[in-house]
Amino acid sequence: MADTYFCFSDECGDYKPRMTAKQIRIHPYFIRTTLLLNSNEWKTLNNNFRQLKTKYSLPLDKELKWANLWTLRNFQINKKEIPAKYDIKYLEKVDYHILINFVDEALALINSLNEKKIIATYTKNATVAAINEKSMMAFHLQEHMQRLEMELQVDEGNLGVLFIDPISNEKNEMFRQIYYELFEGGDFIKKYKFIKDSLNIENSHHSVGIQIADYISGAFSSILKVSSDNDYSIGVKMFYDYVYPNLRKGWSGAIQGYGIREVPRSRINRDWLIGQMNNFKPKTG
């Protein structure tokens, strides 16, 4: 049966051509993730998310970002007051462990959806050749558009509507133009039929879908960043509990290339991520 699908997308990290070693240490990856869900389930997801915020006494009109968790953690561990300029000042008295529990429960809402798919793309900044920023953003967006189109083509009447978080007026227009150019045929897919012809930009603090996409990006970043020297076990567990089971898969069950895609294409980086996922998968039993 034909349906309309909402596709909420958010980015994490940063990318610039010719990044310095210091910039790469701060932002080793650029990530974009998209959560696809049936629009019929959006109202339930929205209500459940709002109830979750009420449960944790979090204001409905403010957004808790994944990055805020670790900023708050650092202030609390070091017993330092949060300066008024920080947008998390209002969370100063909330134990960061409680907020981690909130994010965990928010991600768990994905598993309650009947129809959901996650797509994740990443650039490993230390290994990529210098590519201008607009082209890199286009490569990521293109991968998501292609996979959404292929996912929705199972029914001739399906339609996907893509929403992203605003960054700046200049970048918002850049993304709209990139999307339009890809949609009009500058792509492997010559004619998109299953995604809407324009990109929607909505404020993340107004959008439950984009807030959850931010948590997906954060959990995915954990499996990229984890090592024997860095403890990202909380984020890695969230990745395996809520992101990994819902990644888009090929007919054979393959995830690499279908639900996860390195940008630009690299067999070396793909094998590296497979190793990360095998080596740091939480042990059960």
Protein backbone atom coordinates (compact mmCIF):
# COMPACT_ATOMS: atom_id res chain seq x y z
CA MET A 1 0.00 0.00 0.00
CA ALA A 2 1.36 3.43 -0.96
CA ASP A 3 2.43 5.65 1.94
CA THR A 4 4.21 8.90 2.72
CA TYR A 5 7.45 8.62 4.68
CA PHE A 6 9.26 11.23 6.76
CA CYS A 7 13.05 11.14 6.49
CA PHE A 8 14.85 13.08 9.25
CA SER A 9 18.53 13.78 8.67
CA ASP A 10 21.24 15.34 10.80
CA GLU A 11 25.01 15.75 10.61
CA CYS A 12 27.76 15.34 13.19
CA GLY A 13 31.39 16.42 13.20
CA ASP A 14 32.92 18.68 10.59
CA TYR A 15 34.72 18.61 7.27
CA LYS A 16 36.99 21.11 5.60
CA PRO A 17 39.50 20.46 2.81
CA ARG A 18 43.11 20.26 4.02
CA MET A 19 42.27 20.07 7.72
CA THR A 20 45.15 20.53 10.15
CA ALA A 21 46.20 17.77 12.54
CA LYS A 22 44.54 19.70 15.39
CA GLN A 23 41.27 20.06 13.44
CA ILE A 24 41.29 16.33 12.69
CA ARG A 25 41.83 15.51 16.38
CA ILE A 26 38.76 17.59 17.24
CA HIS A 27 36.67 16.36 14.28
CA PRO A 28 38.06 13.02 13.06
CA TYR A 29 34.84 12.27 11.14
CA PHE A 30 32.05 13.97 9.28
CA ILE A 31 28.81 12.02 9.63
CA ARG A 32 25.28 12.25 8.26
CA THR A 33 22.47 9.94 9.36
CA THR A 34 18.85 9.69 8.24
CA LEU A 35 15.92 8.05 10.01
CA LEU A 36 13.09 7.00 7.68
CA LEU A 37 9.68 6.28 9.21
CA ASN A 38 6.11 5.97 8.03
CA SER A 39 4.34 9.32 8.47
CA ASN A 40 1.43 7.45 10.06
CA GLU A 41 3.70 6.72 13.03
CA TRP A 42 5.09 10.23 13.43
CA LYS A 43 2.32 11.42 15.76
CA THR A 44 2.91 8.49 18.13
CA LEU A 45 6.67 9.05 18.07
CA ASN A 46 6.16 12.76 18.75
CA ASN A 47 3.81 12.10 21.69
CA ASN A 48 6.10 9.44 23.19
CA PHE A 49 9.14 11.71 22.92
CA ARG A 50 7.31 14.59 24.59
CA GLN A 51 6.15 12.27 27.40
CA LEU A 52 9.74 11.15 27.84
CA LYS A 53 10.89 14.74 28.22
CA THR A 54 8.19 15.31 30.83
CA LYS A 55 9.27 12.15 32.67
CA TYR A 56 12.82 13.54 32.91
CA SER A 57 11.61 17.09 33.73
CA LEU A 58 13.17 18.48 30.57
CA PRO A 59 11.59 21.56 28.96
CA LEU A 60 9.69 20.78 25.78
CA ASP A 61 10.94 23.92 24.04
CA LYS A 62 14.65 23.17 24.47
CA GLU A 63 16.84 20.62 22.70
CA LEU A 64 19.33 18.33 24.38
CA LYS A 65 21.98 17.52 21.79
CA TRP A 66 24.28 14.49 21.91
CA ALA A 67 27.32 16.81 22.19
CA ASN A 68 25.74 18.50 25.24
CA LEU A 69 26.06 15.25 27.22
CA TRP A 70 29.83 15.26 27.09
CA THR A 71 30.15 19.01 27.64
CA LEU A 72 27.99 18.69 30.74
CA ARG A 73 29.96 15.65 31.87
CA ASN A 74 33.24 17.57 31.69
CA PHE A 75 31.87 20.47 33.73
CA GLN A 76 30.43 18.15 36.37
CA ILE A 77 33.48 15.89 36.67
CA ASN A 78 35.74 18.94 37.03
CA LYS A 79 33.24 20.54 39.46
CA LYS A 80 33.13 23.75 37.43
CA GLU A 81 30.25 26.16 37.06
CA ILE A 82 28.81 26.39 33.55
CA PRO A 83 29.20 29.92 32.13
CA ALA A 84 25.95 31.71 31.30
CA LYS A 85 26.88 31.82 27.60
CA TYR A 86 26.45 28.04 27.30
CA ASP A 87 23.02 26.92 26.14
CA ILE A 88 23.11 24.03 28.63
CA LYS A 89 23.30 26.35 31.66
CA TYR A 90 19.74 25.29 32.53
CA LEU A 91 20.96 21.69 32.96
CA GLU A 92 23.67 22.57 35.47
CA LYS A 93 21.92 20.86 38.39
CA VAL A 94 20.99 17.71 36.42
CA ASP A 95 23.34 14.75 36.80
CA TYR A 96 24.64 13.91 33.33
CA HIS A 97 24.00 10.19 33.99
CA ILE A 98 20.27 10.99 34.09
CA LEU A 99 20.50 12.71 30.70
CA ILE A 100 22.35 9.73 29.23
CA ASN A 101 19.42 7.59 30.40
CA PHE A 102 17.04 10.00 28.67
CA VAL A 103 18.93 9.69 25.37
CA ASP A 104 18.98 5.92 25.72
CA GLU A 105 15.19 5.85 26.17
CA ALA A 106 14.73 8.30 23.28
CA LEU A 107 16.71 6.03 20.96
CA ALA A 108 14.69 3.05 22.20
CA LEU A 109 11.61 4.70 20.66
CA ILE A 110 13.03 3.75 17.23
CA ASN A 111 12.60 0.07 18.03
CA SER A 112 8.92 0.65 18.81
CA LEU A 113 8.22 1.85 15.26
CA ASN A 114 6.74 -0.66 12.83
CA GLU A 115 8.48 0.80 9.79
CA LYS A 116 11.92 2.33 10.17
CA LYS A 117 15.24 2.37 8.36
CA ILE A 118 18.48 4.13 9.20
CA ILE A 119 21.10 5.27 6.70
CA ALA A 120 24.53 6.48 7.84
CA THR A 121 27.42 7.98 5.86
CA TYR A 122 30.82 8.98 7.16
CA THR A 123 34.05 10.58 6.00
CA LYS A 124 37.28 9.66 7.76
CA ASN A 125 38.99 13.05 7.62
CA ALA A 126 42.53 11.76 8.15
CA THR A 127 42.41 9.65 4.98
CA VAL A 128 40.41 11.73 2.51
CA ALA A 129 41.97 13.77 -0.28
CA ALA A 130 41.21 17.50 -0.42
CA ILE A 131 37.67 17.86 -1.76
CA ASN A 132 35.87 21.20 -1.65
CA GLU A 133 33.23 21.46 1.06
CA LYS A 134 30.23 21.81 -1.24
CA SER A 135 31.22 18.67 -3.16
CA MET A 136 31.68 16.69 0.06
CA MET A 137 28.25 17.78 1.35
CA ALA A 138 26.79 16.81 -2.03
CA PHE A 139 28.41 13.36 -1.92
CA HIS A 140 26.85 12.66 1.49
CA LEU A 141 23.42 14.00 0.57
CA GLN A 142 23.48 12.06 -2.69
CA GLU A 143 24.13 8.77 -0.88
CA HIS A 144 21.09 9.36 1.33
CA MET A 145 18.85 10.43 -1.54
CA GLN A 146 19.79 7.37 -3.59
CA ARG A 147 19.16 4.94 -0.75
CA LEU A 148 15.86 6.55 0.22
CA GLU A 149 14.75 6.34 -3.41
CA MET A 150 15.70 2.66 -3.63
CA GLU A 151 14.07 1.87 -0.29
CA LEU A 152 10.76 3.50 -1.28
CA GLN A 153 10.49 2.19 -4.81
CA VAL A 154 8.75 -1.00 -3.65
CA ASP A 155 5.40 0.74 -4.18
CA GLU A 156 4.73 3.09 -7.07
CA GLY A 157 2.79 5.49 -4.86
CA ASN A 158 5.33 5.89 -2.06
CA LEU A 159 6.76 9.32 -1.33
CA GLY A 160 9.60 10.34 0.99
CA VAL A 161 9.92 13.86 2.42
CA LEU A 162 13.43 14.78 3.61
CA PHE A 163 13.97 17.13 6.58
CA ILE A 164 17.35 18.49 7.73
CA ASP A 165 18.54 20.76 10.51
CA PRO A 166 19.45 24.35 9.55
CA ILE A 167 23.11 25.33 9.86
CA SER A 168 23.39 28.88 8.53
CA ASN A 169 21.55 30.88 5.88
CA GLU A 170 24.42 30.37 3.44
CA LYS A 171 24.68 26.62 4.02
CA ASN A 172 20.91 26.17 4.03
CA GLU A 173 20.74 27.62 0.53
CA MET A 174 23.72 25.51 -0.49
CA PHE A 175 21.94 22.35 0.64
CA ARG A 176 18.72 23.34 -1.12
CA GLN A 177 20.65 23.93 -4.35
CA ILE A 178 22.61 20.66 -4.04
CA TYR A 179 19.39 18.74 -3.48
CA TYR A 180 17.68 20.42 -6.43
CA GLU A 181 20.61 19.74 -8.77
CA LEU A 182 20.75 16.07 -7.76
CA PHE A 183 16.99 15.71 -8.02
CA GLU A 184 16.95 17.18 -11.51
CA GLY A 185 19.26 14.51 -12.85
CA GLY A 186 22.89 15.11 -12.02
CA ASP A 187 23.06 11.72 -10.39
CA PHE A 188 23.37 7.95 -10.82
CA ILE A 189 19.56 7.95 -10.55
CA LYS A 190 18.43 9.86 -13.62
CA LYS A 191 14.91 10.51 -12.40
CA TYR A 192 13.84 10.52 -8.77
CA LYS A 193 10.25 9.38 -8.41
CA PHE A 194 9.90 8.49 -4.74
CA ILE A 195 11.29 11.49 -2.86
CA LYS A 196 9.84 15.00 -2.82
CA ASP A 197 11.31 17.56 -5.22
CA SER A 198 12.49 20.02 -2.54
CA LEU A 199 14.45 19.83 0.68
CA ASN A 200 12.76 20.83 3.95
CA ILE A 201 14.78 22.65 6.60
CA GLU A 202 13.28 22.81 10.09
CA ASN A 203 14.67 23.84 13.45
CA SER A 204 15.89 20.84 15.39
CA HIS A 205 14.46 22.07 18.71
CA HIS A 206 11.04 21.99 17.02
CA SER A 207 11.57 18.57 15.43
CA VAL A 208 11.46 15.29 17.33
CA GLY A 209 12.70 13.45 14.24
CA ILE A 210 15.84 15.57 13.86
CA GLN A 211 16.58 15.38 17.59
CA ILE A 212 16.50 11.59 17.38
CA ALA A 213 18.63 11.70 14.21
CA ASP A 214 21.19 13.66 16.24
CA TYR A 215 21.30 10.85 18.82
CA ILE A 216 21.66 8.31 16.00
CA SER A 217 24.64 10.26 14.65
CA GLY A 218 26.17 10.40 18.12
CA ALA A 219 25.78 6.67 18.71
CA PHE A 220 27.21 5.95 15.26
CA SER A 221 30.17 8.24 15.96
CA SER A 222 30.93 6.12 19.03
CA ILE A 223 31.64 2.99 16.98
CA LEU A 224 33.91 5.07 14.74
CA LYS A 225 35.83 6.67 17.63
CA VAL A 226 36.10 3.76 20.07
CA SER A 227 39.53 2.28 20.60
CA SER A 228 41.54 0.50 23.27
CA ASP A 229 42.55 3.95 24.53
CA ASN A 230 39.12 5.63 24.46
CA ASP A 231 36.04 4.48 26.33
CA TYR A 232 32.95 5.05 24.19
CA SER A 233 31.22 1.97 25.58
CA ILE A 234 27.97 3.79 26.44
CA GLY A 235 27.56 5.13 22.91
CA VAL A 236 28.67 1.83 21.37
CA LYS A 237 26.00 -0.02 23.37
CA MET A 238 23.37 2.46 22.15
CA PHE A 239 24.60 1.91 18.59
CA TYR A 240 24.14 -1.86 18.86
CA ASP A 241 20.84 -1.66 20.77
CA TYR A 242 19.04 0.88 18.59
CA VAL A 243 20.95 1.83 15.44
CA TYR A 244 22.53 -1.36 14.16
CA PRO A 245 19.28 -3.44 14.16
CA ASN A 246 17.51 -0.76 12.11
CA LEU A 247 20.17 -0.02 9.49
CA ARG A 248 19.06 -0.48 5.90
CA LYS A 249 20.17 -3.84 4.52
CA GLY A 250 20.60 -5.41 1.10
CA TRP A 251 18.72 -8.52 0.03
CA SER A 252 21.52 -10.70 1.44
CA GLY A 253 21.45 -8.89 4.79
CA ALA A 254 24.57 -6.83 4.02
CA ILE A 255 24.80 -3.46 5.77
CA GLN A 256 27.97 -2.01 4.27
CA GLY A 257 27.04 -0.12 1.12
CA TYR A 258 23.32 -0.28 1.96
CA GLY A 259 22.80 1.16 5.43
CA ILE A 260 26.34 2.40 6.03
CA ARG A 261 28.44 4.04 3.34
CA GLU A 262 31.91 5.55 3.55
CA VAL A 263 32.33 8.79 1.58
CA PRO A 264 34.15 8.78 -0.76
CA ARG A 265 34.09 5.09 -1.54
CA SER A 266 37.06 3.28 -0.01
CA ARG A 267 37.62 -0.44 0.42
CA ILE A 268 40.26 0.33 3.06
CA ASN A 269 37.88 2.43 5.17
CA ARG A 270 35.07 -0.07 4.73
CA ASP A 271 37.27 -2.92 5.97
CA TRP A 272 38.45 -0.72 8.84
CA LEU A 273 34.85 -0.09 9.97
CA ILE A 274 34.02 -3.79 9.70
CA GLY A 275 36.97 -4.38 12.03
CA GLN A 276 35.70 -1.71 14.45
CA MET A 277 32.26 -3.29 14.52
CA ASN A 278 33.68 -6.78 15.09
CA ASN A 279 36.28 -5.79 17.69
CA PHE A 280 34.11 -3.55 19.86
CA LYS A 281 30.73 -5.25 19.71
CA PRO A 282 29.48 -5.62 23.30
CA LYS A 283 29.73 -9.16 24.60
CA THR A 284 26.49 -10.81 25.63
CA GLY A 285 25.78 -13.68 27.96
